[in-house]
Amino acid sequence: MDQTSSTDKTKEASFGLPGLKIANASSASLDKAIVYLEKHAASQSDTATVDHALLVRKIDRHIAPIALAAYTLQLLDKLDLNYAAVMGLNKDLKLAGNDFNNAASWMYIANLIAEFPTGYIVQKVRPGKWLGFNIILWGVVTACTAAVTNYRGLVATRVVIGILEAATAPCLMLITAEGMWYTKSEAILRFAIWYGGLGTAQMLGSLISWGFQQVTHEALSGWRIMFLALGCVTAVAGVWALFSMPDSPMEASWLTETEKRVAIQRVAINQTGIKNTHFKWRHLQELVLDPQIWLLTSAVVLTSLTSGVVSFYSTTLIRNFGFSAVRSALLNMPSGAVSLLSCLVTAYFGHKYDNRALGQAFLAGVYLVNMETVTLFLVFCLTTANVAGQTKRVAANALISGAFSVGNIIGPQLFKPKDAPQYIPAKIILLVTQIVTAMITTALRVYYGWQNSKRDVAEKRERERADVKVEDIANIEWLNRADISSLLNRFPNRRCSNRPRK
């Protein structure tokens, strides 16, 4: 006999399927989370036994280490070319003129092209598995770089690595996004953990380069051994991600059924959904017409120009001051510390005051090259926080990642060999782009404030109408609606996350 109280049944019913007739939605539009909740009913008393703080820590233990490792290794596989340049790669491969710059740019050209199909694939497949599969393959290709003997071989390996690494940022943004595992207030700190892999990679890369410069071998140069070792480590990490990275709360084997329900219910407030494989062309149309997307994209392109300094020329620039190759590698470590600490500090204040866009405007104007990573990190946060609808979200993630590639394609080309050792034209361009980025992010802050004001007025007007009922929009968070053209605009519970929700 069913012993569930009528009160529990009433509360449980609030998690039921929404009225499809009212929402004008098909079953394909429903998020997988609400379908799971319907199939795995549990009483309110069962879910009440789950400690939310302990649950979040459990989620962190299974996601954060893999995410940090994946992003750190991706950046190491980019930075290894930077360190190899002072370890004899240019001489061994007989690179001349702009060959090194072109090899760096070709990786990002391939990455840019691959981002667009990746955006579609990530929505259709299990993101954790897709991430692990790609990490394994790019680890193998990185190891194969040790066998390269000329410019063409170097370009070929960089192109393949660029294609395979295209999955990393979109997968991590989707998995750690507010909506799948974390609330808005929690997500920014989790983003900082894995995005801090950039600074971690810079520091580790400096030590790794220094270490392999001490290695002497008759058959293999130090830089070749470095590529071989990093490739093997990356492939092992890929196997770890393949079998351990969860794809969604519904598919996490280390959560009990009750914990899965609580994990889903606690993020419903984000109103961005968890998982939906239904591709919607309407979401892409809205993406194209969304001003915030183009402001964010422009900021990423301009800011990423400085990544040419961080990723490919920082060690070379240091060496041009007269330091040896070994000491140049070690002197590059503080830049990684600046990147990591600025990211963590920004995440802390962003979490405390929930004012991400304003923080960008300030930091973008500071001419500290390694602090440009903060702007990129905040753009990732804003994208996942303010973009709803699964197709629009994955497409936006791919577009932002593609914008990062555009900046990195252009960046290395700014440092012409003829301008060495001061590279004055490149430095002037980078300074101007940082000023323009500050202007763009300020405009973004103004746009979010304007949007919130509009939604405040619309919400007040709609609530005053007698025919609007709260139950009409029940479970709207699971309808796979985009953030502009959806019912969220008609009855706006979501707010652009440049300020706290009141």
Protein backbone atom coordinates (compact mmCIF):
# COMPACT_ATOMS: atom_id res chain seq x y z
CA MET A 1 0.00 0.00 0.00
CA ASP A 2 1.31 3.47 -0.91
CA GLN A 3 2.33 5.24 2.29
CA THR A 4 3.29 8.56 0.63
CA SER A 5 1.43 11.47 2.16
CA SER A 6 -0.82 13.71 0.12
CA THR A 7 1.57 16.60 0.78
CA ASP A 8 4.50 14.62 -0.62
CA LYS A 9 2.43 13.67 -3.66
CA THR A 10 1.56 17.32 -4.26
CA LYS A 11 5.21 18.39 -4.02
CA GLU A 12 6.29 15.49 -6.22
CA ALA A 13 3.75 16.48 -8.84
CA SER A 14 5.46 19.82 -9.23
CA PHE A 15 8.29 17.96 -10.97
CA GLY A 16 5.96 16.42 -13.54
CA LEU A 17 5.97 16.97 -17.28
CA PRO A 18 4.86 20.45 -18.33
CA GLY A 19 1.64 21.02 -20.17
CA LEU A 20 2.79 20.52 -23.75
CA LYS A 21 -0.37 22.04 -25.14
CA ILE A 22 0.20 25.24 -23.17
CA ALA A 23 3.91 25.36 -23.98
CA ASN A 24 3.34 24.40 -27.62
CA ALA A 25 6.22 21.94 -27.35
CA SER A 26 6.84 18.51 -28.84
CA SER A 27 8.26 15.59 -26.91
CA ALA A 28 11.54 16.05 -28.80
CA SER A 29 11.87 19.50 -27.25
CA LEU A 30 11.81 18.13 -23.73
CA ASP A 31 15.07 18.03 -21.87
CA LYS A 32 16.34 14.56 -20.98
CA ALA A 33 16.32 15.62 -17.34
CA ILE A 34 12.55 15.99 -17.06
CA VAL A 35 12.06 12.68 -18.86
CA TYR A 36 14.38 11.05 -16.32
CA LEU A 37 12.46 12.60 -13.41
CA GLU A 38 9.21 11.20 -14.78
CA LYS A 39 10.62 7.69 -15.11
CA HIS A 40 12.37 7.64 -11.73
CA ALA A 41 9.87 9.02 -9.26
CA ALA A 42 10.90 9.45 -5.64
CA SER A 43 9.15 10.80 -2.58
CA GLN A 44 10.01 14.19 -1.12
CA SER A 45 11.17 12.46 2.06
CA ASP A 46 13.78 10.50 0.08
CA THR A 47 15.25 13.55 -1.64
CA ALA A 48 15.26 15.47 1.65
CA THR A 49 17.86 13.06 3.02
CA VAL A 50 20.46 14.21 0.49
CA ASP A 51 22.91 16.82 1.78
CA HIS A 52 23.36 19.34 -1.06
CA ALA A 53 26.80 20.48 0.09
CA LEU A 54 28.09 16.91 0.21
CA LEU A 55 26.53 16.23 -3.19
CA VAL A 56 28.31 19.21 -4.77
CA ARG A 57 31.63 18.07 -3.29
CA LYS A 58 31.02 14.60 -4.69
CA ILE A 59 30.34 16.08 -8.12
CA ASP A 60 33.49 18.21 -7.88
CA ARG A 61 35.66 15.16 -7.09
CA HIS A 62 34.52 13.41 -10.27
CA ILE A 63 34.57 16.40 -12.65
CA ALA A 64 37.10 19.05 -11.57
CA PRO A 65 40.31 16.93 -11.69
CA ILE A 66 39.56 15.59 -15.18
CA ALA A 67 38.55 19.01 -16.49
CA LEU A 68 41.73 20.60 -15.10
CA ALA A 69 43.90 17.83 -16.54
CA ALA A 70 42.25 18.05 -19.96
CA TYR A 71 42.68 21.81 -20.30
CA THR A 72 46.19 21.81 -18.84
CA LEU A 73 47.32 19.16 -21.31
CA GLN A 74 45.66 20.97 -24.20
CA LEU A 75 47.59 24.12 -23.37
CA LEU A 76 50.80 22.14 -22.84
CA ASP A 77 50.38 20.68 -26.31
CA LYS A 78 50.12 24.24 -27.63
CA LEU A 79 52.94 25.65 -25.53
CA ASP A 80 55.34 22.82 -26.35
CA LEU A 81 56.00 24.50 -29.70
CA ASN A 82 56.90 27.69 -27.83
CA TYR A 83 59.47 25.86 -25.72
CA ALA A 84 60.73 23.69 -28.57
CA ALA A 85 61.63 26.87 -30.48
CA VAL A 86 64.41 27.63 -27.98
CA MET A 87 65.42 23.96 -27.75
CA GLY A 88 66.62 23.65 -31.33
CA LEU A 89 63.41 22.83 -33.26
CA ASN A 90 63.90 25.65 -35.80
CA LYS A 91 67.44 24.53 -36.55
CA ASP A 92 66.67 20.79 -36.68
CA LEU A 93 63.71 21.25 -39.02
CA LYS A 94 65.50 23.93 -41.06
CA LEU A 95 62.69 26.45 -40.53
CA ALA A 96 63.27 29.76 -42.29
CA GLY A 97 61.49 33.10 -42.62
CA ASN A 98 57.89 32.89 -41.43
CA ASP A 99 57.77 29.06 -41.22
CA PHE A 100 57.46 28.94 -37.43
CA ASN A 101 54.67 31.55 -37.41
CA ASN A 102 52.80 29.72 -40.15
CA ALA A 103 53.03 26.38 -38.36
CA ALA A 104 51.52 28.01 -35.27
CA SER A 105 48.73 29.63 -37.29
CA TRP A 106 47.86 26.46 -39.22
CA MET A 107 46.96 24.68 -36.01
CA TYR A 108 44.39 27.34 -35.19
CA ILE A 109 43.08 27.47 -38.76
CA ALA A 110 42.32 23.75 -38.46
CA ASN A 111 40.88 24.33 -35.00
CA LEU A 112 38.59 27.08 -36.33
CA ILE A 113 37.27 24.95 -39.18
CA ALA A 114 36.69 21.99 -36.87
CA GLU A 115 34.73 24.03 -34.28
CA PHE A 116 31.61 24.25 -36.43
CA PRO A 117 30.99 20.51 -36.95
CA THR A 118 32.14 19.98 -33.36
CA GLY A 119 29.28 22.18 -32.14
CA TYR A 120 26.79 19.86 -33.85
CA ILE A 121 28.55 16.66 -32.77
CA VAL A 122 28.77 17.66 -29.09
CA GLN A 123 24.98 18.06 -28.94
CA LYS A 124 24.42 14.62 -30.44
CA VAL A 125 26.99 12.51 -28.58
CA ARG A 126 27.99 11.95 -24.96
CA PRO A 127 30.35 14.88 -24.28
CA GLY A 128 32.51 13.11 -21.69
CA LYS A 129 33.20 10.20 -24.04
CA TRP A 130 33.80 12.48 -27.02
CA LEU A 131 36.27 14.52 -24.96
CA GLY A 132 38.20 11.43 -23.85
CA PHE A 133 38.34 10.01 -27.38
CA ASN A 134 39.79 13.23 -28.80
CA ILE A 135 42.35 13.58 -25.98
CA ILE A 136 43.69 10.09 -26.71
CA LEU A 137 44.07 10.82 -30.41
CA TRP A 138 45.78 14.20 -30.00
CA GLY A 139 48.14 12.62 -27.46
CA VAL A 140 49.16 10.08 -30.09
CA VAL A 141 49.71 12.81 -32.69
CA THR A 142 51.74 14.88 -30.22
CA ALA A 143 54.01 11.90 -29.62
CA CYS A 144 54.35 11.46 -33.39
CA THR A 145 55.68 15.04 -33.64
CA ALA A 146 58.95 13.63 -32.30
CA ALA A 147 59.42 11.94 -35.68
CA VAL A 148 58.96 15.14 -37.75
CA THR A 149 61.94 16.05 -39.92
CA ASN A 150 60.78 19.10 -41.91
CA TYR A 151 58.35 22.02 -42.08
CA ARG A 152 55.64 20.06 -43.89
CA GLY A 153 55.64 17.34 -41.27
CA LEU A 154 55.39 19.93 -38.50
CA VAL A 155 52.41 21.61 -40.19
CA ALA A 156 50.69 18.25 -40.72
CA THR A 157 50.89 17.30 -37.04
CA ARG A 158 49.78 20.77 -35.89
CA VAL A 159 46.75 20.66 -38.21
CA VAL A 160 45.62 17.27 -36.88
CA ILE A 161 46.14 18.41 -33.28
CA GLY A 162 44.12 21.54 -34.03
CA ILE A 163 41.20 19.46 -35.32
CA LEU A 164 41.24 17.10 -32.33
CA GLU A 165 41.56 19.85 -29.72
CA ALA A 166 38.48 21.60 -31.10
CA ALA A 167 36.33 19.39 -28.83
CA THR A 168 37.97 20.37 -25.55
CA ALA A 169 36.54 23.81 -24.72
CA PRO A 170 32.97 23.12 -26.00
CA CYS A 171 32.82 19.83 -24.07
CA LEU A 172 34.16 21.36 -20.86
CA MET A 173 31.88 24.38 -21.20
CA LEU A 174 28.89 22.09 -21.68
CA ILE A 175 29.78 19.72 -18.84
CA THR A 176 30.72 22.34 -16.25
CA ALA A 177 28.12 24.86 -17.40
CA GLU A 178 25.57 26.19 -15.01
CA GLY A 179 22.56 24.08 -15.82
CA MET A 180 24.07 20.60 -16.11
CA TRP A 181 25.78 20.25 -12.72
CA TYR A 182 26.04 23.66 -11.06
CA THR A 183 23.96 26.70 -10.22
CA LYS A 184 25.04 30.14 -11.43
CA SER A 185 26.74 31.02 -8.16
CA GLU A 186 28.71 27.75 -8.21
CA ALA A 187 29.69 27.57 -11.86
CA ILE A 188 32.12 30.50 -12.05
CA LEU A 189 34.46 28.90 -9.48
CA ARG A 190 34.34 25.57 -11.35
CA PHE A 191 35.16 27.36 -14.59
CA ALA A 192 38.14 28.92 -12.85
CA ILE A 193 39.42 25.51 -11.79
CA TRP A 194 39.74 24.08 -15.29
CA TYR A 195 40.53 27.36 -17.01
CA GLY A 196 43.31 27.82 -14.49
CA GLY A 197 44.93 25.01 -16.46
CA LEU A 198 46.32 27.70 -18.77
CA GLY A 199 48.50 29.18 -16.05
CA THR A 200 49.28 25.73 -14.70
CA ALA A 201 50.41 24.65 -18.17
CA GLN A 202 52.69 27.68 -18.48
CA MET A 203 54.42 26.89 -15.21
CA LEU A 204 54.64 23.15 -15.87
CA GLY A 205 55.78 23.80 -19.43
CA SER A 206 58.64 25.95 -18.19
CA LEU A 207 59.82 23.21 -15.82
CA ILE A 208 59.35 20.52 -18.46
CA SER A 209 61.33 22.52 -21.03
CA TRP A 210 64.09 23.17 -18.51
CA GLY A 211 64.18 19.49 -17.61
CA PHE A 212 64.37 18.19 -21.17
CA GLN A 213 67.08 20.70 -22.02
CA GLN A 214 69.23 18.80 -19.52
CA VAL A 215 68.69 15.58 -21.49
CA THR A 216 71.29 14.68 -24.06
CA HIS A 217 70.82 11.76 -26.43
CA GLU A 218 72.73 10.82 -29.55
CA ALA A 219 69.64 9.91 -31.58
CA LEU A 220 66.95 12.23 -30.19
CA SER A 221 67.06 15.94 -29.42
CA GLY A 222 65.63 17.16 -26.13
CA TRP A 223 62.58 18.71 -27.82
CA ARG A 224 61.77 15.40 -29.56
CA ILE A 225 61.86 13.51 -26.24
CA MET A 226 59.64 16.24 -24.76
CA PHE A 227 56.98 15.77 -27.46
CA LEU A 228 57.13 11.99 -27.02
CA ALA A 229 56.71 12.19 -23.24
CA LEU A 230 53.89 14.76 -23.34
CA GLY A 231 52.05 12.75 -25.98
CA CYS A 232 52.12 9.59 -23.87
CA VAL A 233 50.93 11.42 -20.75
CA THR A 234 48.12 13.03 -22.75
CA ALA A 235 46.96 9.70 -24.17
CA VAL A 236 46.81 8.19 -20.67
CA ALA A 237 44.78 11.18 -19.46
CA GLY A 238 42.43 10.63 -22.39
CA VAL A 239 41.75 7.07 -21.26
CA TRP A 240 40.99 8.42 -17.78
CA ALA A 241 38.53 10.97 -19.20
CA LEU A 242 36.93 8.38 -21.49
CA PHE A 243 35.98 6.11 -18.62
CA SER A 244 35.54 8.60 -15.77
CA MET A 245 34.15 11.92 -17.06
CA PRO A 246 30.34 11.93 -16.54
CA ASP A 247 28.18 12.98 -19.47
CA SER A 248 25.22 14.22 -17.39
CA PRO A 249 23.64 13.64 -13.96
CA MET A 250 21.30 11.05 -15.49
CA GLU A 251 24.26 8.95 -16.68
CA ALA A 252 26.58 9.24 -13.68
CA SER A 253 27.14 5.74 -12.31
CA TRP A 254 28.58 7.10 -9.04
CA LEU A 255 25.32 8.83 -8.07
CA THR A 256 22.38 7.03 -6.50
CA GLU A 257 18.94 7.43 -8.09
CA THR A 258 17.92 9.83 -5.33
CA GLU A 259 21.12 11.86 -5.74
CA LYS A 260 20.49 12.09 -9.47
CA ARG A 261 17.02 13.54 -8.86
CA VAL A 262 18.39 16.08 -6.41
CA ALA A 263 21.27 16.97 -8.76
CA ILE A 264 18.74 17.67 -11.51
CA GLN A 265 16.24 19.55 -9.36
CA ARG A 266 18.82 21.83 -7.74
CA VAL A 267 19.97 23.28 -11.10
CA ALA A 268 16.46 23.82 -12.49
CA ILE A 269 16.63 27.44 -11.26
CA ASN A 270 19.16 28.19 -14.04
CA GLN A 271 16.40 27.58 -16.64
CA THR A 272 18.95 26.51 -19.25
CA GLY A 273 18.25 22.75 -19.30
CA ILE A 274 20.70 19.87 -18.95
CA LYS A 275 20.68 17.71 -22.07
CA ASN A 276 18.71 17.70 -25.31
CA THR A 277 19.88 16.14 -28.58
CA HIS A 278 17.11 17.72 -30.68
CA PHE A 279 18.76 20.10 -33.19
CA LYS A 280 16.82 23.33 -33.78
CA TRP A 281 17.55 25.63 -36.70
CA ARG A 282 15.54 28.34 -34.95
CA HIS A 283 18.15 28.45 -32.22
CA LEU A 284 20.86 29.15 -34.81
CA GLN A 285 18.77 31.96 -36.28
CA GLU A 286 18.43 33.48 -32.83
CA LEU A 287 22.17 33.09 -32.26
CA VAL A 288 22.92 35.16 -35.36
CA LEU A 289 20.54 37.92 -34.23
CA ASP A 290 21.72 38.04 -30.60
CA PRO A 291 23.85 41.19 -29.93
CA GLN A 292 25.52 39.70 -26.84
CA ILE A 293 26.98 36.86 -28.91
CA TRP A 294 28.73 39.25 -31.28
CA LEU A 295 30.00 41.46 -28.47
CA LEU A 296 31.41 38.39 -26.73
CA THR A 297 32.89 37.06 -29.97
CA SER A 298 34.55 40.39 -30.80
CA ALA A 299 36.06 40.56 -27.32
CA VAL A 300 37.48 37.05 -27.65
CA VAL A 301 39.02 37.69 -31.10
CA LEU A 302 40.75 40.87 -29.96
CA THR A 303 41.89 39.49 -26.62
CA SER A 304 43.16 36.28 -28.20
CA LEU A 305 45.65 38.21 -30.29
CA THR A 306 47.81 38.35 -27.17
CA SER A 307 47.70 34.56 -26.97
CA GLY A 308 50.32 34.64 -29.70
CA VAL A 309 52.64 36.13 -27.11
CA VAL A 310 51.65 33.67 -24.38
CA SER A 311 51.53 30.53 -26.51
CA PHE A 312 54.29 30.96 -29.06
CA TYR A 313 56.61 33.89 -28.34
CA SER A 314 56.93 34.45 -24.61
CA THR A 315 60.04 32.29 -24.28
CA THR A 316 61.56 33.70 -27.46
CA LEU A 317 60.95 37.28 -26.30
CA ILE A 318 62.62 36.53 -22.97
CA ARG A 319 65.59 34.97 -24.73
CA ASN A 320 65.96 38.11 -26.86
CA PHE A 321 66.84 39.98 -23.67
CA GLY A 322 70.09 37.99 -23.66
CA PHE A 323 69.20 35.00 -21.48
CA SER A 324 70.17 31.43 -22.31
CA ALA A 325 67.58 28.94 -23.55
CA VAL A 326 67.56 27.16 -20.19
CA ARG A 327 67.10 30.33 -18.17
CA SER A 328 64.47 31.66 -20.61
CA ALA A 329 62.32 28.62 -19.92
CA LEU A 330 62.51 29.17 -16.16
CA LEU A 331 61.88 32.92 -16.43
CA ASN A 332 58.61 32.17 -18.22
CA MET A 333 57.17 30.58 -15.07
CA PRO A 334 56.02 33.83 -13.40
CA SER A 335 53.78 34.55 -16.39
CA GLY A 336 51.92 31.32 -15.65
CA ALA A 337 51.56 32.32 -12.01
CA VAL A 338 50.07 35.70 -13.03
CA SER A 339 47.60 33.95 -15.31
CA LEU A 340 46.54 31.41 -12.68
CA LEU A 341 46.25 33.84 -9.77
CA SER A 342 44.37 36.49 -11.76
CA CYS A 343 41.92 33.83 -12.90
CA LEU A 344 41.28 32.57 -9.36
CA VAL A 345 41.00 36.07 -7.86
CA THR A 346 38.55 37.16 -10.56
CA ALA A 347 36.49 34.01 -10.02
CA TYR A 348 36.35 34.70 -6.29
CA PHE A 349 35.06 38.25 -6.71
CA GLY A 350 32.79 37.19 -9.57
CA HIS A 351 31.30 34.53 -7.28
CA LYS A 352 30.98 36.95 -4.37
CA TYR A 353 29.55 39.94 -6.22
CA ASP A 354 28.20 38.31 -9.43
CA ASN A 355 29.45 41.18 -11.60
CA ARG A 356 31.43 39.45 -14.31
CA ALA A 357 31.03 41.89 -17.18
CA LEU A 358 32.27 44.87 -15.18
CA GLY A 359 35.32 42.89 -14.10
CA GLN A 360 36.17 42.25 -17.74
CA ALA A 361 36.08 45.92 -18.62
CA PHE A 362 38.64 46.69 -15.92
CA LEU A 363 40.98 43.78 -16.55
CA ALA A 364 40.98 44.14 -20.32
CA GLY A 365 42.49 47.60 -19.97
CA VAL A 366 45.42 46.45 -17.91
CA TYR A 367 48.45 45.89 -20.07
CA LEU A 368 49.59 42.69 -18.46
CA VAL A 369 49.63 40.14 -21.23
CA ASN A 370 49.01 37.13 -19.04
CA MET A 371 45.91 38.68 -17.50
CA GLU A 372 44.17 38.43 -20.88
CA THR A 373 43.28 34.90 -19.84
CA VAL A 374 40.86 36.38 -17.29
CA THR A 375 38.81 38.03 -20.03
CA LEU A 376 38.58 34.78 -21.97
CA PHE A 377 37.60 32.89 -18.86
CA LEU A 378 34.86 35.41 -18.06
CA VAL A 379 33.53 35.28 -21.63
CA PHE A 380 33.16 31.50 -21.26
CA CYS A 381 31.23 32.06 -18.02
CA LEU A 382 28.94 34.69 -19.54
CA THR A 383 28.22 32.52 -22.57
CA THR A 384 27.03 29.55 -20.56
CA ALA A 385 25.19 31.75 -18.05
CA ASN A 386 23.16 33.80 -20.52
CA VAL A 387 22.53 31.42 -23.41
CA ALA A 388 19.64 28.97 -23.14
CA GLY A 389 18.41 26.31 -25.56
CA GLN A 390 20.67 23.33 -26.20
CA THR A 391 21.35 23.99 -29.88
CA LYS A 392 21.99 27.68 -29.31
CA ARG A 393 24.22 26.95 -26.33
CA VAL A 394 26.49 24.41 -28.06
CA ALA A 395 26.64 26.63 -31.16
CA ALA A 396 27.58 29.62 -29.01
CA ASN A 397 30.28 27.57 -27.27
CA ALA A 398 31.68 26.54 -30.66
CA LEU A 399 31.53 30.13 -31.95
CA ILE A 400 33.39 31.49 -28.92
CA SER A 401 36.01 28.75 -29.22
CA GLY A 402 36.28 29.56 -32.94
CA ALA A 403 36.78 33.23 -32.11
CA PHE A 404 39.66 32.22 -29.85
CA SER A 405 41.19 30.39 -32.83
CA VAL A 406 40.80 33.46 -35.07
CA GLY A 407 42.77 35.56 -32.62
CA ASN A 408 45.47 32.93 -32.40
CA ILE A 409 45.68 32.66 -36.18
CA ILE A 410 46.34 36.37 -36.47
CA GLY A 411 48.48 36.72 -33.31
CA PRO A 412 51.59 34.81 -34.43
CA GLN A 413 51.61 36.69 -37.73
CA LEU A 414 52.11 39.97 -35.88
CA PHE A 415 55.60 38.93 -34.79
CA LYS A 416 57.55 39.27 -38.02
CA PRO A 417 61.18 38.09 -37.99
CA LYS A 418 62.21 41.43 -39.53
CA ASP A 419 60.87 43.25 -36.43
CA ALA A 420 63.05 41.24 -34.00
CA PRO A 421 64.12 41.63 -31.29
CA GLN A 422 61.80 44.45 -30.11
CA TYR A 423 58.71 43.63 -32.25
CA ILE A 424 57.48 47.22 -31.85
CA PRO A 425 54.61 47.02 -34.44
CA ALA A 426 53.21 43.90 -32.74
CA LYS A 427 53.32 45.52 -29.31
CA ILE A 428 51.47 48.62 -30.56
CA ILE A 429 48.75 46.48 -32.14
CA LEU A 430 48.31 44.45 -28.96
CA LEU A 431 47.99 47.61 -26.85
CA VAL A 432 45.31 49.02 -29.16
CA THR A 433 43.34 45.76 -29.17
CA GLN A 434 43.29 45.71 -25.37
CA ILE A 435 41.85 49.23 -25.27
CA VAL A 436 39.18 48.30 -27.82
CA THR A 437 38.38 45.14 -25.84
CA ALA A 438 37.78 47.26 -22.74
CA MET A 439 35.33 49.39 -24.74
CA ILE A 440 33.50 46.31 -26.03
CA THR A 441 33.15 44.73 -22.60
CA THR A 442 31.87 48.01 -21.18
CA ALA A 443 29.24 48.03 -23.94
CA LEU A 444 28.37 44.45 -22.99
CA ARG A 445 27.82 45.52 -19.37
CA VAL A 446 25.49 48.30 -20.55
CA TYR A 447 23.61 45.88 -22.82
CA TYR A 448 23.02 43.40 -19.99
CA GLY A 449 21.75 46.18 -17.75
CA TRP A 450 19.37 47.34 -20.49
CA GLN A 451 18.09 43.79 -21.03
CA ASN A 452 17.48 43.29 -17.32
CA SER A 453 15.55 46.57 -17.14
CA LYS A 454 13.38 45.51 -20.08
CA ARG A 455 12.64 42.18 -18.46
CA ASP A 456 11.82 43.83 -15.14
CA VAL A 457 9.22 46.00 -16.86
CA ALA A 458 7.83 43.10 -18.87
CA GLU A 459 7.61 40.89 -15.80
CA LYS A 460 5.75 43.54 -13.83
CA ARG A 461 3.30 44.11 -16.69
CA GLU A 462 2.64 40.40 -17.18
CA ARG A 463 2.14 39.76 -13.48
CA GLU A 464 -0.49 42.48 -13.40
CA ARG A 465 -2.52 40.74 -16.09
CA ALA A 466 -5.30 38.65 -14.64
CA ASP A 467 -5.02 35.89 -17.24
CA VAL A 468 -1.39 34.98 -16.48
CA LYS A 469 -1.02 32.05 -14.12
CA VAL A 470 2.19 30.68 -12.62
CA GLU A 471 1.22 27.11 -13.49
CA ASP A 472 1.08 28.09 -17.18
CA ILE A 473 4.87 28.20 -17.20
CA ALA A 474 5.64 25.29 -14.88
CA ASN A 475 8.78 23.33 -15.82
CA ILE A 476 9.68 25.80 -18.58
CA GLU A 477 13.34 25.13 -17.80
CA TRP A 478 13.02 21.70 -19.41
CA LEU A 479 11.43 22.81 -22.73
CA ASN A 480 14.73 23.46 -24.59
CA ARG A 481 13.76 27.07 -25.25
CA ALA A 482 16.30 29.65 -26.37
CA ASP A 483 16.74 32.73 -24.21
CA ILE A 484 15.24 35.43 -26.46
CA SER A 485 12.31 34.00 -28.39
CA SER A 486 11.05 31.66 -25.69
CA LEU A 487 8.43 31.93 -22.99
CA LEU A 488 11.28 33.14 -20.80
CA ASN A 489 10.89 36.49 -22.54
CA ARG A 490 7.15 36.49 -21.87
CA PHE A 491 7.52 35.68 -18.19
CA PRO A 492 11.17 36.38 -17.52
CA ASN A 493 12.52 34.47 -14.56
CA ARG A 494 16.00 34.36 -16.10
CA ARG A 495 18.18 37.41 -15.92
CA CYS A 496 21.41 38.31 -17.65
CA SER A 497 24.00 37.40 -15.04
CA ASN A 498 25.90 40.69 -14.83
CA ARG A 499 24.16 41.32 -11.51
CA PRO A 500 22.43 39.21 -8.85
CA ARG A 501 18.92 38.07 -9.30
CA LYS A 502 16.63 39.76 -6.78
